[in-house]
N, C-alpha and C. Protein backbone atom coordinates (compact mmCIF):
# COMPACT_ATOMS: atom_id res chain seq x y z
N MET A 1 84.18 47.62 25.49
CA MET A 1 84.64 47.81 26.81
C MET A 1 85.58 49.01 26.86
N LYS A 2 85.35 49.86 27.86
CA LYS A 2 86.11 51.09 28.04
C LYS A 2 87.31 50.82 28.93
N LYS A 3 88.44 51.40 28.55
CA LYS A 3 89.65 51.24 29.34
C LYS A 3 89.69 52.33 30.41
N ILE A 4 89.83 51.95 31.67
CA ILE A 4 89.91 52.91 32.78
C ILE A 4 91.37 53.28 32.96
N ARG A 5 91.62 54.56 32.93
CA ARG A 5 93.00 55.04 33.02
C ARG A 5 93.12 55.87 34.30
N GLY A 6 94.15 55.63 35.07
CA GLY A 6 94.44 56.37 36.29
C GLY A 6 95.87 56.88 36.21
N ILE A 7 96.38 57.35 37.32
CA ILE A 7 97.76 57.82 37.32
C ILE A 7 98.65 56.68 37.76
N THR A 8 99.83 56.68 37.21
CA THR A 8 100.77 55.62 37.56
C THR A 8 101.57 56.02 38.79
N LEU A 9 102.23 55.06 39.38
CA LEU A 9 103.05 55.31 40.56
C LEU A 9 104.19 56.26 40.22
N ILE A 10 104.75 56.18 39.06
CA ILE A 10 105.84 57.08 38.64
C ILE A 10 105.34 58.51 38.53
N GLU A 11 104.16 58.71 37.95
CA GLU A 11 103.60 60.05 37.85
C GLU A 11 103.35 60.65 39.23
N LEU A 12 102.86 59.84 40.14
CA LEU A 12 102.60 60.29 41.51
C LEU A 12 103.90 60.67 42.21
N LEU A 13 104.94 59.88 42.04
CA LEU A 13 106.24 60.17 42.65
C LEU A 13 106.85 61.45 42.09
N ILE A 14 106.76 61.65 40.80
CA ILE A 14 107.30 62.87 40.18
C ILE A 14 106.55 64.09 40.71
N THR A 15 105.24 64.00 40.84
CA THR A 15 104.44 65.11 41.38
C THR A 15 104.85 65.43 42.81
N LEU A 16 105.01 64.40 43.62
CA LEU A 16 105.43 64.61 45.01
C LEU A 16 106.82 65.22 45.12
N ILE A 17 107.74 64.81 44.26
CA ILE A 17 109.10 65.36 44.26
C ILE A 17 109.07 66.84 43.88
N VAL A 18 108.29 67.20 42.87
CA VAL A 18 108.18 68.60 42.45
C VAL A 18 107.58 69.43 43.59
N LEU A 19 106.54 68.94 44.25
CA LEU A 19 105.94 69.65 45.38
C LEU A 19 106.93 69.82 46.53
N ALA A 20 107.72 68.79 46.81
CA ALA A 20 108.72 68.87 47.89
C ALA A 20 109.78 69.91 47.57
N ILE A 21 110.21 69.98 46.33
CA ILE A 21 111.21 70.98 45.93
C ILE A 21 110.64 72.39 46.07
N LEU A 22 109.42 72.59 45.60
CA LEU A 22 108.77 73.90 45.72
C LEU A 22 108.60 74.30 47.19
N ALA A 23 108.21 73.37 48.04
CA ALA A 23 108.05 73.67 49.47
C ALA A 23 109.39 74.00 50.11
N GLY A 24 110.43 73.29 49.72
CA GLY A 24 111.77 73.55 50.26
C GLY A 24 112.30 74.93 49.87
N VAL A 25 111.94 75.39 48.69
CA VAL A 25 112.37 76.72 48.24
C VAL A 25 111.54 77.81 48.90
N ALA A 26 110.25 77.59 49.08
CA ALA A 26 109.36 78.62 49.61
C ALA A 26 109.41 78.74 51.13
N ALA A 27 109.73 77.69 51.85
CA ALA A 27 109.68 77.71 53.32
C ALA A 27 110.56 78.78 53.96
N PRO A 28 111.85 78.92 53.57
CA PRO A 28 112.66 79.96 54.20
C PRO A 28 112.11 81.37 53.95
N SER A 29 111.60 81.61 52.77
CA SER A 29 111.02 82.91 52.46
C SER A 29 109.78 83.15 53.30
N PHE A 30 108.98 82.13 53.51
CA PHE A 30 107.77 82.23 54.32
C PHE A 30 108.12 82.53 55.77
N VAL A 31 109.13 81.85 56.31
CA VAL A 31 109.56 82.09 57.69
C VAL A 31 110.08 83.51 57.85
N ARG A 32 110.89 83.98 56.92
CA ARG A 32 111.41 85.35 56.95
C ARG A 32 110.28 86.37 56.88
N SER A 33 109.27 86.07 56.09
CA SER A 33 108.12 86.96 55.97
C SER A 33 107.37 87.06 57.31
N ILE A 34 107.19 85.96 57.99
CA ILE A 34 106.53 85.97 59.30
C ILE A 34 107.36 86.75 60.30
N GLU A 35 108.69 86.55 60.30
CA GLU A 35 109.57 87.30 61.21
C GLU A 35 109.48 88.80 60.94
N ASN A 36 109.44 89.19 59.68
CA ASN A 36 109.36 90.61 59.32
C ASN A 36 108.01 91.21 59.73
N ARG A 37 106.91 90.46 59.59
CA ARG A 37 105.60 90.94 60.02
C ARG A 37 105.59 91.16 61.53
N ASN A 38 106.23 90.27 62.27
CA ASN A 38 106.33 90.40 63.73
C ASN A 38 107.14 91.64 64.10
N LEU A 39 108.21 91.89 63.37
CA LEU A 39 109.05 93.08 63.58
C LEU A 39 108.26 94.36 63.30
N VAL A 40 107.52 94.38 62.21
CA VAL A 40 106.70 95.54 61.86
C VAL A 40 105.65 95.78 62.95
N SER A 41 105.04 94.73 63.44
CA SER A 41 104.03 94.86 64.49
C SER A 41 104.62 95.48 65.75
N ALA A 42 105.81 95.03 66.15
CA ALA A 42 106.47 95.59 67.34
C ALA A 42 106.81 97.06 67.13
N ALA A 43 107.33 97.41 65.96
CA ALA A 43 107.70 98.80 65.67
C ALA A 43 106.47 99.70 65.63
N GLU A 44 105.39 99.24 65.02
CA GLU A 44 104.17 100.04 64.96
C GLU A 44 103.56 100.23 66.34
N THR A 45 103.68 99.23 67.21
CA THR A 45 103.19 99.36 68.58
C THR A 45 104.01 100.40 69.34
N LEU A 46 105.33 100.35 69.18
CA LEU A 46 106.19 101.35 69.81
C LEU A 46 105.84 102.75 69.31
N TYR A 47 105.72 102.90 68.00
CA TYR A 47 105.37 104.19 67.40
C TYR A 47 104.04 104.71 67.96
N SER A 48 103.03 103.86 68.01
CA SER A 48 101.71 104.31 68.47
C SER A 48 101.73 104.69 69.95
N HIS A 49 102.53 104.01 70.77
CA HIS A 49 102.59 104.36 72.19
C HIS A 49 103.38 105.66 72.41
N LEU A 50 104.36 105.92 71.59
CA LEU A 50 105.04 107.22 71.68
C LEU A 50 104.08 108.34 71.28
N GLN A 51 103.29 108.13 70.23
CA GLN A 51 102.28 109.11 69.82
C GLN A 51 101.24 109.29 70.92
N LEU A 52 100.84 108.19 71.55
CA LEU A 52 99.86 108.25 72.62
C LEU A 52 100.40 109.05 73.81
N ALA A 53 101.67 108.82 74.16
CA ALA A 53 102.28 109.57 75.28
C ALA A 53 102.24 111.06 74.99
N ARG A 54 102.58 111.44 73.79
CA ARG A 54 102.59 112.86 73.42
C ARG A 54 101.18 113.45 73.47
N SER A 55 100.21 112.76 72.89
CA SER A 55 98.85 113.28 72.85
C SER A 55 98.21 113.30 74.24
N GLU A 56 98.49 112.30 75.07
CA GLU A 56 97.95 112.30 76.44
C GLU A 56 98.54 113.44 77.26
N SER A 57 99.80 113.76 77.03
CA SER A 57 100.43 114.88 77.73
C SER A 57 99.72 116.18 77.37
N LEU A 58 99.47 116.39 76.10
CA LEU A 58 98.77 117.59 75.65
C LEU A 58 97.33 117.62 76.15
N LEU A 59 96.65 116.48 76.10
CA LEU A 59 95.26 116.39 76.52
C LEU A 59 95.08 116.63 78.02
N ARG A 60 95.96 116.04 78.82
CA ARG A 60 95.84 116.12 80.27
C ARG A 60 96.48 117.39 80.86
N SER A 61 97.26 118.09 80.06
CA SER A 61 98.03 119.26 80.54
C SER A 61 98.94 118.87 81.70
N GLU A 62 99.51 117.70 81.61
CA GLU A 62 100.45 117.19 82.61
C GLU A 62 101.55 116.41 81.90
N ASP A 63 102.70 116.31 82.56
CA ASP A 63 103.77 115.49 82.02
C ASP A 63 103.29 114.04 81.89
N VAL A 64 103.65 113.41 80.79
CA VAL A 64 103.47 111.97 80.63
C VAL A 64 104.85 111.40 80.35
N VAL A 65 105.19 110.35 81.08
CA VAL A 65 106.53 109.76 81.01
C VAL A 65 106.46 108.43 80.28
N PHE A 66 107.33 108.28 79.28
CA PHE A 66 107.47 107.03 78.53
C PHE A 66 108.70 106.32 79.10
N SER A 67 108.51 105.15 79.70
CA SER A 67 109.61 104.42 80.34
C SER A 67 109.89 103.11 79.62
N VAL A 68 111.18 102.73 79.58
CA VAL A 68 111.59 101.47 78.96
C VAL A 68 112.40 100.66 79.95
N ALA A 69 112.47 99.35 79.71
CA ALA A 69 113.29 98.44 80.52
C ALA A 69 113.76 97.29 79.63
N GLY A 70 114.85 96.66 80.02
CA GLY A 70 115.34 95.48 79.31
C GLY A 70 115.92 95.76 77.94
N MET A 71 116.45 96.95 77.72
CA MET A 71 117.01 97.28 76.41
C MET A 71 118.21 96.37 76.10
N GLY A 72 118.36 96.04 74.83
CA GLY A 72 119.45 95.18 74.40
C GLY A 72 119.13 93.70 74.51
N SER A 73 117.88 93.37 74.81
CA SER A 73 117.50 91.96 74.95
C SER A 73 116.12 91.75 74.32
N THR A 74 115.67 90.50 74.35
CA THR A 74 114.32 90.21 73.85
C THR A 74 113.27 90.31 74.96
N SER A 75 113.72 90.61 76.18
CA SER A 75 112.77 90.76 77.29
C SER A 75 112.56 92.22 77.65
N TRP A 76 112.41 93.06 76.64
CA TRP A 76 112.20 94.50 76.84
C TRP A 76 110.74 94.77 77.16
N ALA A 77 110.50 95.97 77.65
CA ALA A 77 109.13 96.42 77.93
C ALA A 77 109.11 97.94 77.90
N PHE A 78 107.96 98.52 77.62
CA PHE A 78 107.80 99.96 77.72
C PHE A 78 106.39 100.28 78.20
N GLY A 79 106.24 101.49 78.76
CA GLY A 79 104.94 101.88 79.28
C GLY A 79 104.83 103.37 79.50
N LEU A 80 103.63 103.83 79.79
CA LEU A 80 103.33 105.25 80.01
C LEU A 80 102.86 105.45 81.44
N ASN A 81 103.22 106.59 82.00
CA ASN A 81 102.76 106.94 83.33
C ASN A 81 102.62 108.45 83.41
N GLN A 82 101.76 108.89 84.28
CA GLN A 82 101.54 110.30 84.48
C GLN A 82 102.55 110.83 85.49
N SER A 83 103.31 111.85 85.09
CA SER A 83 104.20 112.64 85.96
C SER A 83 105.49 111.99 86.42
N ALA A 84 105.60 110.66 86.49
CA ALA A 84 106.83 110.04 87.01
C ALA A 84 107.16 108.78 86.23
N ALA A 85 108.44 108.40 86.27
CA ALA A 85 108.87 107.17 85.60
C ALA A 85 108.18 105.98 86.26
N CYS A 86 108.03 104.91 85.51
CA CYS A 86 107.37 103.71 86.01
C CYS A 86 108.17 102.48 85.62
N ASP A 87 107.77 101.33 86.15
CA ASP A 87 108.41 100.06 85.82
C ASP A 87 107.52 99.33 84.83
N PRO A 88 107.90 99.28 83.55
CA PRO A 88 107.03 98.67 82.54
C PRO A 88 106.94 97.14 82.62
N THR A 89 107.66 96.53 83.55
CA THR A 89 107.55 95.08 83.70
C THR A 89 106.41 94.70 84.65
N ILE A 90 105.86 95.67 85.37
CA ILE A 90 104.77 95.40 86.31
C ILE A 90 103.46 95.31 85.53
N THR A 91 102.69 94.25 85.80
CA THR A 91 101.44 94.03 85.08
C THR A 91 100.20 94.20 85.95
N ASP A 92 100.37 94.69 87.17
CA ASP A 92 99.25 94.92 88.08
C ASP A 92 98.97 96.42 88.15
N ASN A 93 97.78 96.84 87.72
CA ASN A 93 97.47 98.27 87.67
C ASN A 93 97.32 98.92 89.05
N THR A 94 97.30 98.15 90.11
CA THR A 94 97.20 98.72 91.45
C THR A 94 98.56 98.86 92.11
N SER A 95 99.61 98.34 91.49
CA SER A 95 100.96 98.44 92.06
C SER A 95 101.44 99.90 92.03
N ALA A 96 102.22 100.27 93.03
CA ALA A 96 102.65 101.66 93.18
C ALA A 96 103.48 102.17 92.01
N ASN A 97 104.28 101.33 91.37
CA ASN A 97 105.19 101.78 90.32
C ASN A 97 104.76 101.29 88.93
N ALA A 98 103.51 100.90 88.78
CA ALA A 98 103.01 100.40 87.49
C ALA A 98 102.87 101.55 86.49
N CYS A 99 102.95 101.21 85.22
CA CYS A 99 102.78 102.20 84.15
C CYS A 99 101.28 102.33 83.86
N VAL A 100 100.68 103.35 84.47
CA VAL A 100 99.24 103.55 84.35
C VAL A 100 98.91 105.01 84.07
N LEU A 101 97.78 105.23 83.46
CA LEU A 101 97.20 106.56 83.34
C LEU A 101 95.81 106.49 83.96
N PRO A 102 95.50 107.40 84.89
CA PRO A 102 94.18 107.35 85.51
C PRO A 102 93.09 107.84 84.55
N VAL A 103 92.00 107.10 84.52
CA VAL A 103 90.83 107.45 83.73
C VAL A 103 89.62 107.26 84.63
N ASP A 104 88.88 108.32 84.88
CA ASP A 104 87.72 108.26 85.77
C ASP A 104 86.66 107.36 85.16
N ASP A 105 86.21 106.37 85.93
CA ASP A 105 85.18 105.46 85.43
C ASP A 105 83.77 105.99 85.65
N GLY A 106 83.67 107.22 86.17
CA GLY A 106 82.37 107.87 86.28
C GLY A 106 81.68 107.75 87.62
N ASP A 107 82.30 107.04 88.57
CA ASP A 107 81.63 106.89 89.85
C ASP A 107 82.00 107.99 90.85
N GLY A 108 82.90 108.91 90.47
CA GLY A 108 83.27 110.04 91.31
C GLY A 108 84.31 109.73 92.36
N ALA A 109 84.71 108.48 92.50
CA ALA A 109 85.72 108.09 93.50
C ALA A 109 86.89 107.43 92.79
N PHE A 110 88.11 107.78 93.22
CA PHE A 110 89.28 107.14 92.62
C PHE A 110 89.57 105.83 93.34
N ILE A 111 89.48 104.75 92.60
CA ILE A 111 89.86 103.42 93.08
C ILE A 111 90.83 102.88 92.05
N ALA A 112 92.08 102.64 92.48
CA ALA A 112 93.14 102.26 91.54
C ALA A 112 92.75 101.09 90.65
N ALA A 113 92.12 100.08 91.21
CA ALA A 113 91.75 98.90 90.43
C ALA A 113 90.78 99.23 89.30
N ASN A 114 89.95 100.26 89.50
CA ASN A 114 88.95 100.63 88.50
C ASN A 114 89.40 101.78 87.60
N ASP A 115 90.18 102.71 88.15
CA ASP A 115 90.49 103.94 87.43
C ASP A 115 91.88 103.99 86.80
N ASN A 116 92.80 103.13 87.22
CA ASN A 116 94.14 103.11 86.63
C ASN A 116 94.14 102.16 85.43
N VAL A 117 94.40 102.71 84.25
CA VAL A 117 94.47 101.89 83.04
C VAL A 117 95.94 101.58 82.77
N LEU A 118 96.25 100.29 82.68
CA LEU A 118 97.62 99.84 82.47
C LEU A 118 98.05 100.11 81.03
N TYR A 119 99.13 100.85 80.88
CA TYR A 119 99.72 101.13 79.57
C TYR A 119 101.11 100.54 79.56
N GLN A 120 101.21 99.25 79.28
CA GLN A 120 102.47 98.52 79.36
C GLN A 120 102.49 97.49 78.24
N ILE A 121 103.59 97.44 77.53
CA ILE A 121 103.79 96.46 76.46
C ILE A 121 105.05 95.67 76.78
N SER A 122 104.98 94.37 76.63
CA SER A 122 106.11 93.50 76.92
C SER A 122 106.66 92.90 75.62
N GLY A 123 107.98 92.80 75.55
CA GLY A 123 108.63 92.20 74.39
C GLY A 123 108.28 90.73 74.23
N SER A 124 107.78 90.10 75.28
CA SER A 124 107.41 88.69 75.18
C SER A 124 106.24 88.48 74.22
N GLU A 125 105.52 89.56 73.91
CA GLU A 125 104.43 89.48 72.94
C GLU A 125 104.95 89.37 71.50
N TYR A 126 106.24 89.65 71.31
CA TYR A 126 106.85 89.66 69.98
C TYR A 126 108.05 88.73 69.99
N GLU A 127 107.90 87.57 69.40
CA GLU A 127 108.91 86.53 69.45
C GLU A 127 110.23 86.95 68.79
N ASP A 128 111.31 86.80 69.53
CA ASP A 128 112.68 87.03 69.05
C ASP A 128 112.92 88.43 68.49
N ILE A 129 112.32 89.45 69.08
CA ILE A 129 112.58 90.83 68.70
C ILE A 129 113.42 91.47 69.80
N THR A 130 114.57 92.00 69.42
CA THR A 130 115.45 92.69 70.36
C THR A 130 115.25 94.20 70.19
N MET A 131 115.21 94.93 71.32
CA MET A 131 115.08 96.38 71.25
C MET A 131 116.29 97.01 71.94
N GLN A 132 116.84 98.03 71.27
CA GLN A 132 117.93 98.82 71.84
C GLN A 132 117.54 100.29 71.80
N MET A 133 118.05 101.05 72.78
CA MET A 133 117.77 102.48 72.83
C MET A 133 119.09 103.23 72.86
N ALA A 134 119.16 104.30 72.09
CA ALA A 134 120.32 105.19 72.11
C ALA A 134 119.82 106.60 72.43
N VAL A 135 120.50 107.27 73.36
CA VAL A 135 120.17 108.64 73.70
C VAL A 135 120.90 109.54 72.70
N ILE A 136 120.15 110.30 71.92
CA ILE A 136 120.73 111.20 70.93
C ILE A 136 121.11 112.52 71.58
N SER A 137 120.21 113.03 72.41
CA SER A 137 120.49 114.28 73.14
C SER A 137 119.57 114.36 74.34
N GLY A 138 119.88 115.27 75.23
CA GLY A 138 119.04 115.47 76.40
C GLY A 138 119.49 114.60 77.56
N THR A 139 118.58 114.38 78.48
CA THR A 139 118.91 113.63 79.68
C THR A 139 119.09 112.15 79.37
N PHE A 140 120.04 111.54 80.07
CA PHE A 140 120.27 110.11 79.90
C PHE A 140 119.43 109.37 80.92
N GLY A 141 118.84 108.29 80.52
CA GLY A 141 118.04 107.47 81.42
C GLY A 141 117.08 106.62 80.63
N ASN A 142 116.27 105.86 81.36
CA ASN A 142 115.33 104.93 80.73
C ASN A 142 113.93 105.50 80.59
N SER A 143 113.81 106.82 80.72
CA SER A 143 112.50 107.42 80.55
C SER A 143 112.61 108.74 79.79
N THR A 144 111.52 109.09 79.13
CA THR A 144 111.42 110.33 78.38
C THR A 144 110.16 111.04 78.83
N ILE A 145 110.28 112.32 79.14
CA ILE A 145 109.15 113.10 79.60
C ILE A 145 108.59 113.94 78.45
N PHE A 146 107.28 113.82 78.23
CA PHE A 146 106.59 114.65 77.24
C PHE A 146 106.00 115.85 77.96
N ASP A 147 106.34 117.04 77.48
CA ASP A 147 105.89 118.31 78.08
C ASP A 147 104.48 118.63 77.61
N PRO A 148 103.58 119.01 78.54
CA PRO A 148 102.19 119.27 78.15
C PRO A 148 101.97 120.58 77.40
N ALA A 149 102.92 121.49 77.45
CA ALA A 149 102.70 122.79 76.78
C ALA A 149 102.82 122.67 75.26
N ARG A 150 103.80 121.93 74.80
CA ARG A 150 104.04 121.85 73.35
C ARG A 150 104.18 120.42 72.82
N GLY A 151 104.16 119.43 73.69
CA GLY A 151 104.37 118.05 73.26
C GLY A 151 105.81 117.74 72.98
N THR A 152 106.72 118.57 73.48
CA THR A 152 108.15 118.33 73.29
C THR A 152 108.64 117.32 74.32
N THR A 153 109.89 116.88 74.15
CA THR A 153 110.46 115.90 75.07
C THR A 153 111.69 116.47 75.76
N ASP A 154 112.12 115.77 76.81
CA ASP A 154 113.33 116.18 77.52
C ASP A 154 114.58 115.56 76.90
N GLY A 155 114.43 114.79 75.85
CA GLY A 155 115.58 114.19 75.19
C GLY A 155 115.20 113.44 73.93
N ALA A 156 116.08 113.44 72.96
CA ALA A 156 115.86 112.70 71.72
C ALA A 156 116.36 111.27 71.91
N ARG A 157 115.59 110.32 71.42
CA ARG A 157 115.92 108.90 71.57
C ARG A 157 115.80 108.20 70.22
N GLN A 158 116.57 107.12 70.10
CA GLN A 158 116.47 106.28 68.91
C GLN A 158 116.30 104.84 69.38
N TYR A 159 115.21 104.22 69.00
CA TYR A 159 114.91 102.84 69.37
C TYR A 159 115.11 101.98 68.12
N THR A 160 115.87 100.90 68.26
CA THR A 160 116.10 100.00 67.14
C THR A 160 115.58 98.62 67.51
N LEU A 161 114.66 98.13 66.69
CA LEU A 161 114.10 96.79 66.89
C LEU A 161 114.68 95.88 65.81
N THR A 162 115.16 94.70 66.22
CA THR A 162 115.82 93.77 65.30
C THR A 162 115.24 92.37 65.51
N ASN A 163 114.97 91.67 64.38
CA ASN A 163 114.46 90.30 64.51
C ASN A 163 115.59 89.29 64.38
N ALA A 164 115.26 88.00 64.49
CA ALA A 164 116.26 86.93 64.47
C ALA A 164 117.01 86.85 63.14
N SER A 165 116.40 87.30 62.06
CA SER A 165 117.06 87.28 60.74
C SER A 165 118.00 88.46 60.53
N GLY A 166 118.00 89.42 61.47
CA GLY A 166 118.87 90.58 61.36
C GLY A 166 118.22 91.80 60.73
N SER A 167 116.96 91.70 60.32
CA SER A 167 116.26 92.88 59.80
C SER A 167 115.94 93.80 60.96
N SER A 168 116.00 95.11 60.70
CA SER A 168 115.74 96.05 61.79
C SER A 168 114.89 97.23 61.32
N ILE A 169 114.21 97.83 62.30
CA ILE A 169 113.42 99.04 62.10
C ILE A 169 113.85 100.02 63.18
N ARG A 170 114.02 101.27 62.78
CA ARG A 170 114.43 102.32 63.71
C ARG A 170 113.28 103.29 63.93
N VAL A 171 112.98 103.57 65.21
CA VAL A 171 111.96 104.55 65.58
C VAL A 171 112.70 105.67 66.30
N THR A 172 112.63 106.89 65.75
CA THR A 172 113.36 108.02 66.30
C THR A 172 112.40 109.05 66.87
N LEU A 173 112.67 109.47 68.10
CA LEU A 173 111.90 110.49 68.79
C LEU A 173 112.77 111.72 68.93
N SER A 174 112.31 112.86 68.41
CA SER A 174 113.10 114.09 68.44
C SER A 174 112.76 114.92 69.66
N LEU A 175 113.55 115.96 69.90
CA LEU A 175 113.30 116.87 71.02
C LEU A 175 111.97 117.62 70.88
N ILE A 176 111.54 117.85 69.65
CA ILE A 176 110.28 118.57 69.46
C ILE A 176 109.07 117.62 69.41
N GLY A 177 109.31 116.34 69.71
CA GLY A 177 108.22 115.39 69.81
C GLY A 177 107.85 114.67 68.53
N ASN A 178 108.59 114.90 67.44
CA ASN A 178 108.33 114.20 66.19
C ASN A 178 108.80 112.75 66.31
N ILE A 179 108.04 111.84 65.74
CA ILE A 179 108.37 110.43 65.78
C ILE A 179 108.44 109.93 64.35
N LYS A 180 109.58 109.34 63.99
CA LYS A 180 109.77 108.86 62.63
C LYS A 180 110.19 107.40 62.66
N VAL A 181 109.76 106.67 61.63
CA VAL A 181 110.09 105.26 61.49
C VAL A 181 110.81 105.06 60.18
N CYS A 182 111.91 104.30 60.21
CA CYS A 182 112.66 104.02 58.97
C CYS A 182 113.28 102.63 59.07
N SER A 183 113.67 102.10 57.92
CA SER A 183 114.33 100.80 57.87
C SER A 183 115.13 100.68 56.58
N ASN A 184 116.32 100.16 56.70
CA ASN A 184 117.12 99.87 55.51
C ASN A 184 116.88 98.45 55.01
N ASP A 185 116.08 97.67 55.78
CA ASP A 185 115.85 96.26 55.44
C ASP A 185 114.47 95.97 54.90
N LEU A 186 113.48 96.79 55.25
CA LEU A 186 112.10 96.54 54.83
C LEU A 186 111.63 97.64 53.90
N SER A 187 111.07 97.25 52.78
CA SER A 187 110.72 98.20 51.72
C SER A 187 109.52 99.08 52.05
N GLU A 188 108.70 98.69 53.03
CA GLU A 188 107.52 99.50 53.32
C GLU A 188 107.84 100.79 54.10
N TYR A 189 109.08 100.94 54.54
CA TYR A 189 109.51 102.15 55.25
C TYR A 189 110.56 102.89 54.44
N ARG A 190 110.64 104.18 54.66
CA ARG A 190 111.69 104.95 53.99
C ARG A 190 113.04 104.49 54.55
N SER A 191 114.08 104.69 53.78
CA SER A 191 115.43 104.30 54.22
C SER A 191 115.94 105.22 55.31
N CYS A 192 116.71 104.67 56.22
CA CYS A 192 117.32 105.47 57.29
C CYS A 192 118.55 106.14 56.73
N THR A 193 118.77 107.40 57.09
CA THR A 193 119.95 108.13 56.61
C THR A 193 121.00 108.22 57.67
């Protein structure tokens, strides 16, 4: 007769205790990692929209305005508009002050609902990310104008995005239109000086 051997209750309890300890140690690191990925996503979106504003200005041979709202809070927003500042909190592309760029849909007639493409990002898409803006030089205000001749701006700005853990990423826009990203908290970016 063969003896059937299984695991004892003590072995099962020891295994569960070890797993609970490992989960307790790993959970805070996992949460911080998710917060940092969310921060990186917000910063990369800001960077790409600043690049888009510059390239659209050059492509269209017209001023493109990058507007922000809600700075210093988690309910920030930014958007692009042709020639004038806009309200980046508006989500209707037919509204008079919406952040839109017209794109002809090919029918030969301008109809705002069809031809205005909404270029607006809301901070509500990024949980617990705060954005602040500092004017480095140039005109003070909540908008930056990209010049179509050279892709330069009317003012240098520094945008700082910070998550709930206190990690931050800085996106800097220079007068000549250069956009740089740095962070003293995340290793995938160069350090800010």
